[in-house]
Amino acid sequence: MYSHQQDSNNHFEHIADQIKKGTTTCALTCNDGIVLAADTRASAGFFIADRHVMKIQKVDRHMGMTIAGGVADAQNLVDIMRYNANIYRLTNRELMPIKSAARLCSNVLFNQRYYPYYVQIILAGFDNVGGQMYNIDLFGSITTEKFISTGSGSPVAYGYLESEFKEDLSVNEGYKIAIQAIAAAIRRNAGTGDNI
């Protein structure tokens, strides 16, 4: 017996698996900011499509996001987030709160759940609440941790992050840990590579 629901579930599982096929990004919360890191390789299966992709995008002067997954979908989502952050800043004469930006990103992805954006996002920044980061998947689910990694190299990066992360790191200490986490993924994951 076959149903449309089974076909739909298989399609979503396939998309979720494909997002994990290449790249590694990570983020850490620090006492004086947020650290974002990523490799620069764009791969399509076993083909290296580009060695110099910018997977960390600035949304506003206090907020950025890492992208994994489909390039066009990710660029479109970054544009939506930049547009809304600018409108918020111009309207309210203050920067958009990080939590509000995460909720907006989640809502955009949730509203596209039947034709999903092919992305895995870490949205992070530093506002009057402090440093915050959110892991947002292609269906709009939000999780938050002290450190996050996405992409096919994330199991390796998590291994390094879990052993080295400590509470109350400074950004100066945190970026060294993030670099080493991405470097470990480059050494052990074929979809991750080139530069950090």
C-alpha atoms as a PDB file:
ATOM      1  CA  MET A   1       0.000   0.000   0.000  1.00  0.00           C
ATOM      2  CA  TYR A   2       1.367   3.408  -0.976  1.00  0.00           C
ATOM      3  CA  SER A   3       0.190   6.826   0.115  1.00  0.00           C
ATOM      4  CA  HIS A   4       0.899  10.433  -0.727  1.00  0.00           C
ATOM      5  CA  GLN A   5       2.009  10.918   2.903  1.00  0.00           C
ATOM      6  CA  GLN A   6       4.749   8.261   2.485  1.00  0.00           C
ATOM      7  CA  ASP A   7       5.960   9.981  -0.683  1.00  0.00           C
ATOM      8  CA  SER A   8       5.994  13.328   1.124  1.00  0.00           C
ATOM      9  CA  ASN A   9       7.910  11.899   4.106  1.00  0.00           C
ATOM     10  CA  ASN A  10      10.479  10.257   1.804  1.00  0.00           C
ATOM     11  CA  HIS A  11      10.936  13.553  -0.046  1.00  0.00           C
ATOM     12  CA  PHE A  12      11.574  15.474   3.200  1.00  0.00           C
ATOM     13  CA  GLU A  13      13.995  12.805   4.477  1.00  0.00           C
ATOM     14  CA  HIS A  14      15.885  12.986   1.167  1.00  0.00           C
ATOM     15  CA  ILE A  15      16.168  16.781   1.432  1.00  0.00           C
ATOM     16  CA  ALA A  16      17.350  16.585   5.055  1.00  0.00           C
ATOM     17  CA  ASP A  17      19.980  13.985   4.070  1.00  0.00           C
ATOM     18  CA  GLN A  18      21.206  16.096   1.141  1.00  0.00           C
ATOM     19  CA  ILE A  19      21.805  19.129   3.371  1.00  0.00           C
ATOM     20  CA  LYS A  20      24.235  17.033   5.394  1.00  0.00           C
ATOM     21  CA  LYS A  21      26.285  16.018   2.328  1.00  0.00           C
ATOM     22  CA  GLY A  22      28.827  18.851   2.423  1.00  0.00           C
ATOM     23  CA  THR A  23      30.186  21.769   4.458  1.00  0.00           C
ATOM     24  CA  THR A  24      30.830  22.418   8.119  1.00  0.00           C
ATOM     25  CA  THR A  25      29.819  25.512  10.047  1.00  0.00           C
ATOM     26  CA  CYS A  26      29.954  26.229  13.751  1.00  0.00           C
ATOM     27  CA  ALA A  27      29.148  28.942  16.266  1.00  0.00           C
ATOM     28  CA  LEU A  28      30.103  29.553  19.897  1.00  0.00           C
ATOM     29  CA  THR A  29      28.734  31.919  22.513  1.00  0.00           C
ATOM     30  CA  CYS A  30      31.363  33.922  24.347  1.00  0.00           C
ATOM     31  CA  ASN A  31      31.072  36.381  27.214  1.00  0.00           C
ATOM     32  CA  ASP A  32      31.833  39.341  24.937  1.00  0.00           C
ATOM     33  CA  GLY A  33      30.341  38.216  21.625  1.00  0.00           C
ATOM     34  CA  ILE A  34      29.659  35.360  19.238  1.00  0.00           C
ATOM     35  CA  VAL A  35      32.083  33.413  17.050  1.00  0.00           C
ATOM     36  CA  LEU A  36      30.988  32.018  13.672  1.00  0.00           C
ATOM     37  CA  ALA A  37      33.234  29.799  11.531  1.00  0.00           C
ATOM     38  CA  ALA A  38      32.873  27.780   8.336  1.00  0.00           C
ATOM     39  CA  ASP A  39      34.872  26.090   5.626  1.00  0.00           C
ATOM     40  CA  THR A  40      34.845  27.532   2.097  1.00  0.00           C
ATOM     41  CA  ARG A  41      34.211  24.446  -0.077  1.00  0.00           C
ATOM     42  CA  ALA A  42      31.011  24.126  -2.093  1.00  0.00           C
ATOM     43  CA  SER A  43      30.478  20.576  -3.234  1.00  0.00           C
ATOM     44  CA  ALA A  44      27.871  18.812  -5.336  1.00  0.00           C
ATOM     45  CA  GLY A  45      28.197  15.145  -4.501  1.00  0.00           C
ATOM     46  CA  PHE A  46      31.842  14.266  -5.150  1.00  0.00           C
ATOM     47  CA  PHE A  47      32.357  17.342  -7.353  1.00  0.00           C
ATOM     48  CA  ILE A  48      33.961  20.425  -5.797  1.00  0.00           C
ATOM     49  CA  ALA A  49      31.945  23.253  -7.349  1.00  0.00           C
ATOM     50  CA  ASP A  50      33.797  26.175  -5.693  1.00  0.00           C
ATOM     51  CA  ARG A  51      36.657  26.548  -3.219  1.00  0.00           C
ATOM     52  CA  HIS A  52      35.944  30.122  -2.048  1.00  0.00           C
ATOM     53  CA  VAL A  53      32.310  30.281  -0.921  1.00  0.00           C
ATOM     54  CA  MET A  54      31.410  32.729   1.844  1.00  0.00           C
ATOM     55  CA  LYS A  55      29.214  30.656   4.150  1.00  0.00           C
ATOM     56  CA  ILE A  56      29.043  33.354   6.826  1.00  0.00           C
ATOM     57  CA  GLN A  57      26.818  36.271   5.903  1.00  0.00           C
ATOM     58  CA  LYS A  58      26.347  39.571   7.715  1.00  0.00           C
ATOM     59  CA  VAL A  59      22.668  40.335   8.304  1.00  0.00           C
ATOM     60  CA  ASP A  60      23.174  43.594  10.220  1.00  0.00           C
ATOM     61  CA  ARG A  61      26.055  45.109  12.159  1.00  0.00           C
ATOM     62  CA  HIS A  62      25.231  42.993  15.237  1.00  0.00           C
ATOM     63  CA  MET A  63      24.013  39.785  13.582  1.00  0.00           C
ATOM     64  CA  GLY A  64      25.182  37.155  11.121  1.00  0.00           C
ATOM     65  CA  MET A  65      24.266  33.731   9.874  1.00  0.00           C
ATOM     66  CA  THR A  66      26.046  30.649   8.619  1.00  0.00           C
ATOM     67  CA  ILE A  67      24.573  28.782   5.692  1.00  0.00           C
ATOM     68  CA  ALA A  68      24.635  25.141   4.689  1.00  0.00           C
ATOM     69  CA  GLY A  69      22.611  23.623   1.888  1.00  0.00           C
ATOM     70  CA  GLY A  70      21.416  25.070  -1.398  1.00  0.00           C
ATOM     71  CA  VAL A  71      23.185  28.285  -2.391  1.00  0.00           C
ATOM     72  CA  ALA A  72      20.225  29.984  -4.106  1.00  0.00           C
ATOM     73  CA  ASP A  73      17.864  29.220  -1.221  1.00  0.00           C
ATOM     74  CA  ALA A  74      20.407  30.418   1.333  1.00  0.00           C
ATOM     75  CA  GLN A  75      21.075  33.658  -0.569  1.00  0.00           C
ATOM     76  CA  ASN A  76      17.359  34.335  -0.818  1.00  0.00           C
ATOM     77  CA  LEU A  77      16.916  33.767   2.913  1.00  0.00           C
ATOM     78  CA  VAL A  78      19.873  36.058   3.712  1.00  0.00           C
ATOM     79  CA  ASP A  79      18.288  38.765   1.525  1.00  0.00           C
ATOM     80  CA  ILE A  80      14.945  38.394   3.337  1.00  0.00           C
ATOM     81  CA  MET A  81      16.672  38.647   6.713  1.00  0.00           C
ATOM     82  CA  ARG A  82      18.746  41.700   5.676  1.00  0.00           C
ATOM     83  CA  TYR A  83      15.681  43.467   4.299  1.00  0.00           C
ATOM     84  CA  ASN A  84      13.669  42.901   7.483  1.00  0.00           C
ATOM     85  CA  ALA A  85      16.566  43.844   9.788  1.00  0.00           C
ATOM     86  CA  ASN A  86      16.979  47.125   7.858  1.00  0.00           C
ATOM     87  CA  ILE A  87      13.251  47.884   7.972  1.00  0.00           C
ATOM     88  CA  TYR A  88      13.202  47.167  11.718  1.00  0.00           C
ATOM     89  CA  ARG A  89      16.220  49.448  12.319  1.00  0.00           C
ATOM     90  CA  LEU A  90      14.753  52.303  10.259  1.00  0.00           C
ATOM     91  CA  THR A  91      11.280  51.999  11.797  1.00  0.00           C
ATOM     92  CA  ASN A  92      12.265  51.514  15.448  1.00  0.00           C
ATOM     93  CA  ARG A  93      15.601  53.368  15.469  1.00  0.00           C
ATOM     94  CA  GLU A  94      17.243  50.372  17.117  1.00  0.00           C
ATOM     95  CA  LEU A  95      18.733  47.061  16.051  1.00  0.00           C
ATOM     96  CA  MET A  96      16.474  44.055  15.632  1.00  0.00           C
ATOM     97  CA  PRO A  97      16.690  41.721  18.660  1.00  0.00           C
ATOM     98  CA  ILE A  98      18.438  38.435  17.819  1.00  0.00           C
ATOM     99  CA  LYS A  99      15.540  36.379  19.198  1.00  0.00           C
ATOM    100  CA  SER A 100      13.089  38.262  16.952  1.00  0.00           C
ATOM    101  CA  ALA A 101      15.299  37.670  13.913  1.00  0.00           C
ATOM    102  CA  ALA A 102      15.462  33.953  14.724  1.00  0.00           C
ATOM    103  CA  ARG A 103      11.678  33.792  15.013  1.00  0.00           C
ATOM    104  CA  LEU A 104      11.289  35.617  11.681  1.00  0.00           C
ATOM    105  CA  CYS A 105      13.709  33.210   9.977  1.00  0.00           C
ATOM    106  CA  SER A 106      11.850  30.273  11.531  1.00  0.00           C
ATOM    107  CA  ASN A 107       8.498  31.627  10.286  1.00  0.00           C
ATOM    108  CA  VAL A 108       9.822  32.091   6.730  1.00  0.00           C
ATOM    109  CA  LEU A 109      11.091  28.507   6.675  1.00  0.00           C
ATOM    110  CA  PHE A 110       7.941  27.091   8.300  1.00  0.00           C
ATOM    111  CA  ASN A 111       5.723  28.856   5.750  1.00  0.00           C
ATOM    112  CA  GLN A 112       7.740  27.192   2.965  1.00  0.00           C
ATOM    113  CA  ARG A 113       7.557  23.697   4.503  1.00  0.00           C
ATOM    114  CA  TYR A 114       5.765  22.153   1.493  1.00  0.00           C
ATOM    115  CA  TYR A 115       8.349  23.614  -0.910  1.00  0.00           C
ATOM    116  CA  PRO A 116      11.191  23.960   1.591  1.00  0.00           C
ATOM    117  CA  TYR A 117      14.271  26.070   1.373  1.00  0.00           C
ATOM    118  CA  TYR A 118      17.140  23.626   1.112  1.00  0.00           C
ATOM    119  CA  VAL A 119      19.106  25.142   4.035  1.00  0.00           C
ATOM    120  CA  GLN A 120      20.421  24.682   7.560  1.00  0.00           C
ATOM    121  CA  ILE A 121      21.005  28.011   9.309  1.00  0.00           C
ATOM    122  CA  ILE A 122      22.837  29.213  12.376  1.00  0.00           C
ATOM    123  CA  LEU A 123      21.631  32.731  13.164  1.00  0.00           C
ATOM    124  CA  ALA A 124      23.681  34.489  15.846  1.00  0.00           C
ATOM    125  CA  GLY A 125      24.433  37.905  17.210  1.00  0.00           C
ATOM    126  CA  PHE A 126      25.001  40.132  20.184  1.00  0.00           C
ATOM    127  CA  ASP A 127      22.347  42.555  21.456  1.00  0.00           C
ATOM    128  CA  ASN A 128      21.350  44.118  24.794  1.00  0.00           C
ATOM    129  CA  VAL A 129      20.463  40.618  26.109  1.00  0.00           C
ATOM    130  CA  GLY A 130      23.972  39.391  25.243  1.00  0.00           C
ATOM    131  CA  GLY A 131      25.240  36.805  22.798  1.00  0.00           C
ATOM    132  CA  GLN A 132      22.627  34.458  21.363  1.00  0.00           C
ATOM    133  CA  MET A 133      22.609  31.819  18.676  1.00  0.00           C
ATOM    134  CA  TYR A 134      19.911  29.697  17.102  1.00  0.00           C
ATOM    135  CA  ASN A 135      20.085  26.591  14.935  1.00  0.00           C
ATOM    136  CA  ILE A 136      17.184  26.733  12.441  1.00  0.00           C
ATOM    137  CA  ASP A 137      16.388  23.809  10.145  1.00  0.00           C
ATOM    138  CA  LEU A 138      14.603  23.770   6.802  1.00  0.00           C
ATOM    139  CA  PHE A 139      11.174  23.344   8.456  1.00  0.00           C
ATOM    140  CA  GLY A 140      11.659  26.248  10.863  1.00  0.00           C
ATOM    141  CA  SER A 141      12.489  24.307  14.025  1.00  0.00           C
ATOM    142  CA  ILE A 142      14.646  26.361  16.391  1.00  0.00           C
ATOM    143  CA  THR A 143      17.145  25.091  18.933  1.00  0.00           C
ATOM    144  CA  THR A 144      19.705  27.014  20.918  1.00  0.00           C
ATOM    145  CA  GLU A 145      22.904  25.864  22.615  1.00  0.00           C
ATOM    146  CA  LYS A 146      26.183  27.327  23.835  1.00  0.00           C
ATOM    147  CA  PHE A 147      27.819  25.943  20.685  1.00  0.00           C
ATOM    148  CA  ILE A 148      26.332  24.603  17.450  1.00  0.00           C
ATOM    149  CA  SER A 149      27.674  22.918  14.329  1.00  0.00           C
ATOM    150  CA  THR A 150      25.908  22.100  11.049  1.00  0.00           C
ATOM    151  CA  GLY A 151      26.733  20.230   7.871  1.00  0.00           C
ATOM    152  CA  SER A 152      28.324  16.893   7.048  1.00  0.00           C
ATOM    153  CA  GLY A 153      31.436  17.605   9.123  1.00  0.00           C
ATOM    154  CA  SER A 154      29.425  18.537  12.218  1.00  0.00           C
ATOM    155  CA  PRO A 155      29.978  15.214  14.060  1.00  0.00           C
ATOM    156  CA  VAL A 156      33.741  15.816  13.913  1.00  0.00           C
ATOM    157  CA  ALA A 157      33.379  19.503  14.813  1.00  0.00           C
ATOM    158  CA  TYR A 158      31.084  18.632  17.738  1.00  0.00           C
ATOM    159  CA  GLY A 159      33.700  16.231  19.078  1.00  0.00           C
ATOM    160  CA  TYR A 160      36.239  19.044  19.245  1.00  0.00           C
ATOM    161  CA  LEU A 161      33.759  21.653  20.520  1.00  0.00           C
ATOM    162  CA  GLU A 162      32.530  19.413  23.334  1.00  0.00           C
ATOM    163  CA  SER A 163      36.036  18.766  24.582  1.00  0.00           C
ATOM    164  CA  GLU A 164      37.275  22.383  24.382  1.00  0.00           C
ATOM    165  CA  PHE A 165      34.282  24.652  25.061  1.00  0.00           C
ATOM    166  CA  LYS A 166      34.118  26.275  28.488  1.00  0.00           C
ATOM    167  CA  GLU A 167      31.720  28.802  30.002  1.00  0.00           C
ATOM    168  CA  ASP A 168      32.878  32.448  29.937  1.00  0.00           C
ATOM    169  CA  LEU A 169      35.212  32.162  26.952  1.00  0.00           C
ATOM    170  CA  SER A 170      36.270  35.437  25.393  1.00  0.00           C
ATOM    171  CA  VAL A 171      35.898  35.916  21.636  1.00  0.00           C
ATOM    172  CA  ASN A 172      39.691  35.848  21.466  1.00  0.00           C
ATOM    173  CA  GLU A 173      39.694  32.338  22.950  1.00  0.00           C
ATOM    174  CA  GLY A 174      36.508  31.206  21.179  1.00  0.00           C
ATOM    175  CA  TYR A 175      37.655  31.885  17.630  1.00  0.00           C
ATOM    176  CA  LYS A 176      40.697  29.622  18.130  1.00  0.00           C
ATOM    177  CA  ILE A 177      38.411  26.777  19.230  1.00  0.00           C
ATOM    178  CA  ALA A 178      36.084  27.382  16.242  1.00  0.00           C
ATOM    179  CA  ILE A 179      39.025  27.334  13.815  1.00  0.00           C
ATOM    180  CA  GLN A 180      40.295  24.047  15.250  1.00  0.00           C
ATOM    181  CA  ALA A 181      36.790  22.505  15.072  1.00  0.00           C
ATOM    182  CA  ILE A 182      36.500  23.377  11.362  1.00  0.00           C
ATOM    183  CA  ALA A 183      40.094  22.233  10.744  1.00  0.00           C
ATOM    184  CA  ALA A 184      39.279  18.857  12.333  1.00  0.00           C
ATOM    185  CA  ALA A 185      36.256  18.514  10.024  1.00  0.00           C
ATOM    186  CA  ILE A 186      38.401  19.415   6.989  1.00  0.00           C
ATOM    187  CA  ARG A 187      40.809  16.604   7.894  1.00  0.00           C
ATOM    188  CA  ARG A 188      38.063  13.986   8.390  1.00  0.00           C
ATOM    189  CA  ASN A 189      35.162  14.929   6.065  1.00  0.00           C
ATOM    190  CA  ALA A 190      35.300  14.874   2.257  1.00  0.00           C
ATOM    191  CA  GLY A 191      32.503  17.453   1.882  1.00  0.00           C
ATOM    192  CA  THR A 192      34.413  19.999   3.979  1.00  0.00           C
ATOM    193  CA  GLY A 193      37.582  21.630   2.799  1.00  0.00           C
ATOM    194  CA  ASP A 194      39.844  24.275   1.349  1.00  0.00           C
ATOM    195  CA  ASN A 195      39.883  27.230   3.759  1.00  0.00           C
ATOM    196  CA  ILE A 196      38.291  28.454   7.005  1.00  0.00           C
END
